[in-house]
Structures are given as structure tokens and as C-alpha cells.
Amino acid sequence: MANAQVNILAALVTNGQRLVAMSGIGLHVFTTATAYQLADPGMGRYFLTAAAFAYPLIAEAVVAYYAWQASGSKINGYSIWLLAWILLLLIVVGLAAIRKRLQKN
């Protein structure tokens, strides 16, 4: 029984890791597009968009801050997608930890 559970968790973790990677790429593209929309018009807009593409973790924090400023609320379209991705990441990491613990027993 435990072996079947470990195999099921292994499949979930493997597929979850792929889903986290693909959705992370999608979130990165969404972050870059949001940075483009939030930047002031002009040549600086293109520089900020390129910087957002080059430095994803920093860009996510900066874009989240400016999206909060622009919308006047910390709950906006960008923050919902960011928090959903973080939740997905935590679920996959939790499943991996459970699988590792079951393998020990």
C-alpha cells in the first residue's frame, strides 16, 4: 500500500514540477508585459521591460509594488496570479516532502 502511495506521489510531484516550471515561464511573460504597461511612455519603457525580462525575481517584486500603487489595492490582477503561483509551488514542495517521508518508512 505504501509503495503505491509513493508511486502516486512521485507522479504528482513530477507533473507538479513541470507545471510549476511552465507556469513560472508564463508568470515571467506576464510580469514583463505588466512592467511594459506600468512604465511611462518613451524609451525608458523598453529599458524597464528588458530589465524585467532579464531579472525575473526582482521584476516580480517591483512590478507587484507598482501594481499595488497603480490600483490602490494590494489585491489586484497581478498579485492574484503571483500568489496563485506561490501557492502552487508550496503544494508541489509539500507533496515532495510527503513522498520523501513515506519513502523513509
C-alpha atoms as a PDB file:
ATOM      1  CA  MET A   1       0.000   0.000   0.000  1.00  0.00           C
ATOM      2  CA  ALA A   2       2.753   2.423   0.940  1.00  0.00           C
ATOM      3  CA  ASN A   3       4.605   1.642  -2.285  1.00  0.00           C
ATOM      4  CA  ALA A   4       1.509   2.542  -4.317  1.00  0.00           C
ATOM      5  CA  GLN A   5       1.176   5.815  -2.404  1.00  0.00           C
ATOM      6  CA  VAL A   6       4.820   6.647  -3.062  1.00  0.00           C
ATOM      7  CA  ASN A   7       4.361   5.922  -6.779  1.00  0.00           C
ATOM      8  CA  ILE A   8       1.266   8.116  -6.965  1.00  0.00           C
ATOM      9  CA  LEU A   9       3.051  10.922  -5.114  1.00  0.00           C
ATOM     10  CA  ALA A  10       6.066  10.522  -7.406  1.00  0.00           C
ATOM     11  CA  ALA A  11       3.833  11.030 -10.445  1.00  0.00           C
ATOM     12  CA  LEU A  12       2.136  14.028  -8.823  1.00  0.00           C
ATOM     13  CA  VAL A  13       5.452  15.618  -7.881  1.00  0.00           C
ATOM     14  CA  THR A  14       6.963  15.055 -11.334  1.00  0.00           C
ATOM     15  CA  ASN A  15       3.942  16.536 -13.091  1.00  0.00           C
ATOM     16  CA  GLY A  16       3.726  19.283 -10.478  1.00  0.00           C
ATOM     17  CA  GLN A  17       7.333  20.277 -11.069  1.00  0.00           C
ATOM     18  CA  ARG A  18       6.656  20.528 -14.790  1.00  0.00           C
ATOM     19  CA  LEU A  19       3.542  22.587 -14.119  1.00  0.00           C
ATOM     20  CA  VAL A  20       5.476  24.928 -11.794  1.00  0.00           C
ATOM     21  CA  ALA A  21       8.175  25.398 -14.438  1.00  0.00           C
ATOM     22  CA  MET A  22       5.727  26.086 -17.276  1.00  0.00           C
ATOM     23  CA  SER A  23       3.548  28.376 -15.172  1.00  0.00           C
ATOM     24  CA  GLY A  24       6.681  30.154 -13.945  1.00  0.00           C
ATOM     25  CA  ILE A  25       7.560  30.930 -17.550  1.00  0.00           C
ATOM     26  CA  GLY A  26       4.012  32.178 -18.099  1.00  0.00           C
ATOM     27  CA  LEU A  27       4.194  34.335 -14.971  1.00  0.00           C
ATOM     28  CA  HIS A  28       7.517  35.742 -16.175  1.00  0.00           C
ATOM     29  CA  VAL A  29       5.991  36.736 -19.530  1.00  0.00           C
ATOM     30  CA  PHE A  30       3.005  38.235 -17.695  1.00  0.00           C
ATOM     31  CA  THR A  31       5.393  40.151 -15.405  1.00  0.00           C
ATOM     32  CA  THR A  32       7.263  41.534 -18.406  1.00  0.00           C
ATOM     33  CA  ALA A  33       4.022  42.609 -20.092  1.00  0.00           C
ATOM     34  CA  THR A  34       2.790  44.222 -16.869  1.00  0.00           C
ATOM     35  CA  ALA A  35       6.103  46.083 -16.477  1.00  0.00           C
ATOM     36  CA  TYR A  36       5.660  47.414 -20.011  1.00  0.00           C
ATOM     37  CA  GLN A  37       2.137  48.627 -19.209  1.00  0.00           C
ATOM     38  CA  LEU A  38       3.140  50.242 -15.907  1.00  0.00           C
ATOM     39  CA  ALA A  39       6.167  52.095 -17.284  1.00  0.00           C
ATOM     40  CA  ASP A  40       5.862  55.647 -18.538  1.00  0.00           C
ATOM     41  CA  PRO A  41       5.810  56.055 -22.331  1.00  0.00           C
ATOM     42  CA  GLY A  42       9.131  56.635 -24.019  1.00  0.00           C
ATOM     43  CA  MET A  43      12.427  54.860 -24.395  1.00  0.00           C
ATOM     44  CA  GLY A  44      12.570  54.128 -20.662  1.00  0.00           C
ATOM     45  CA  ARG A  45       9.618  51.793 -21.120  1.00  0.00           C
ATOM     46  CA  TYR A  46      11.691  49.499 -23.336  1.00  0.00           C
ATOM     47  CA  PHE A  47      14.651  49.560 -20.951  1.00  0.00           C
ATOM     48  CA  LEU A  48      12.427  48.664 -17.987  1.00  0.00           C
ATOM     49  CA  THR A  49      10.764  45.886 -19.965  1.00  0.00           C
ATOM     50  CA  ALA A  50      14.168  44.426 -20.902  1.00  0.00           C
ATOM     51  CA  ALA A  51      15.303  44.690 -17.280  1.00  0.00           C
ATOM     52  CA  ALA A  52      12.128  42.933 -16.127  1.00  0.00           C
ATOM     53  CA  PHE A  53      12.810  40.153 -18.612  1.00  0.00           C
ATOM     54  CA  ALA A  54      16.454  39.816 -17.529  1.00  0.00           C
ATOM     55  CA  TYR A  55      15.882  39.813 -13.752  1.00  0.00           C
ATOM     56  CA  PRO A  56      12.654  37.910 -13.055  1.00  0.00           C
ATOM     57  CA  LEU A  57      12.678  37.735  -9.232  1.00  0.00           C
ATOM     58  CA  ILE A  58      13.486  41.403  -8.784  1.00  0.00           C
ATOM     59  CA  ALA A  59      10.990  42.319 -11.505  1.00  0.00           C
ATOM     60  CA  GLU A  60       8.187  40.401  -9.798  1.00  0.00           C
ATOM     61  CA  ALA A  61       8.711  42.286  -6.548  1.00  0.00           C
ATOM     62  CA  VAL A  62       8.982  45.671  -8.282  1.00  0.00           C
ATOM     63  CA  VAL A  63       6.001  45.061 -10.569  1.00  0.00           C
ATOM     64  CA  ALA A  64       3.906  43.863  -7.610  1.00  0.00           C
ATOM     65  CA  TYR A  65       4.751  47.060  -5.722  1.00  0.00           C
ATOM     66  CA  TYR A  66       3.921  49.356  -8.640  1.00  0.00           C
ATOM     67  CA  ALA A  67       0.770  47.392  -9.486  1.00  0.00           C
ATOM     68  CA  TRP A  68      -0.315  47.959  -5.873  1.00  0.00           C
ATOM     69  CA  GLN A  69       0.423  51.668  -6.257  1.00  0.00           C
ATOM     70  CA  ALA A  70      -1.389  51.952  -9.580  1.00  0.00           C
ATOM     71  CA  SER A  71      -4.505  50.080  -8.468  1.00  0.00           C
ATOM     72  CA  GLY A  72      -4.652  51.498  -4.951  1.00  0.00           C
ATOM     73  CA  SER A  73      -5.169  47.975  -3.587  1.00  0.00           C
ATOM     74  CA  LYS A  74      -2.815  45.172  -2.684  1.00  0.00           C
ATOM     75  CA  ILE A  75      -5.312  42.717  -4.152  1.00  0.00           C
ATOM     76  CA  ASN A  76      -5.202  43.233  -7.914  1.00  0.00           C
ATOM     77  CA  GLY A  77      -4.915  41.126 -11.030  1.00  0.00           C
ATOM     78  CA  TYR A  78      -1.146  40.787 -10.830  1.00  0.00           C
ATOM     79  CA  SER A  79      -0.951  39.934  -7.135  1.00  0.00           C
ATOM     80  CA  ILE A  80      -3.604  37.235  -7.524  1.00  0.00           C
ATOM     81  CA  TRP A  81      -1.580  35.494 -10.238  1.00  0.00           C
ATOM     82  CA  LEU A  82       1.623  35.854  -8.219  1.00  0.00           C
ATOM     83  CA  LEU A  83       0.033  34.414  -5.068  1.00  0.00           C
ATOM     84  CA  ALA A  84      -1.580  31.576  -7.040  1.00  0.00           C
ATOM     85  CA  TRP A  85       1.815  30.617  -8.442  1.00  0.00           C
ATOM     86  CA  ILE A  86       3.401  30.715  -4.984  1.00  0.00           C
ATOM     87  CA  LEU A  87       0.570  28.515  -3.661  1.00  0.00           C
ATOM     88  CA  LEU A  88       1.160  26.011  -6.480  1.00  0.00           C
ATOM     89  CA  LEU A  89       4.866  25.977  -5.664  1.00  0.00           C
ATOM     90  CA  LEU A  90       4.173  25.324  -1.974  1.00  0.00           C
ATOM     91  CA  ILE A  91       1.767  22.486  -2.789  1.00  0.00           C
ATOM     92  CA  VAL A  92       4.335  20.777  -5.017  1.00  0.00           C
ATOM     93  CA  VAL A  93       7.087  21.190  -2.415  1.00  0.00           C
ATOM     94  CA  GLY A  94       4.738  19.807   0.254  1.00  0.00           C
ATOM     95  CA  LEU A  95       3.917  16.768  -1.888  1.00  0.00           C
ATOM     96  CA  ALA A  96       7.631  16.177  -2.453  1.00  0.00           C
ATOM     97  CA  ALA A  97       8.249  16.316   1.308  1.00  0.00           C
ATOM     98  CA  ILE A  98       5.420  13.856   1.975  1.00  0.00           C
ATOM     99  CA  ARG A  99       6.777  11.483  -0.675  1.00  0.00           C
ATOM    100  CA  LYS A 100      10.261  11.625   0.828  1.00  0.00           C
ATOM    101  CA  ARG A 101       8.878  10.927   4.290  1.00  0.00           C
ATOM    102  CA  LEU A 102       6.869   7.927   3.027  1.00  0.00           C
ATOM    103  CA  GLN A 103       9.941   6.524   1.305  1.00  0.00           C
ATOM    104  CA  LYS A 104      11.830   6.531   4.619  1.00  0.00           C
ATOM    105  CA  ASN A 105       9.170   4.403   6.311  1.00  0.00           C
END
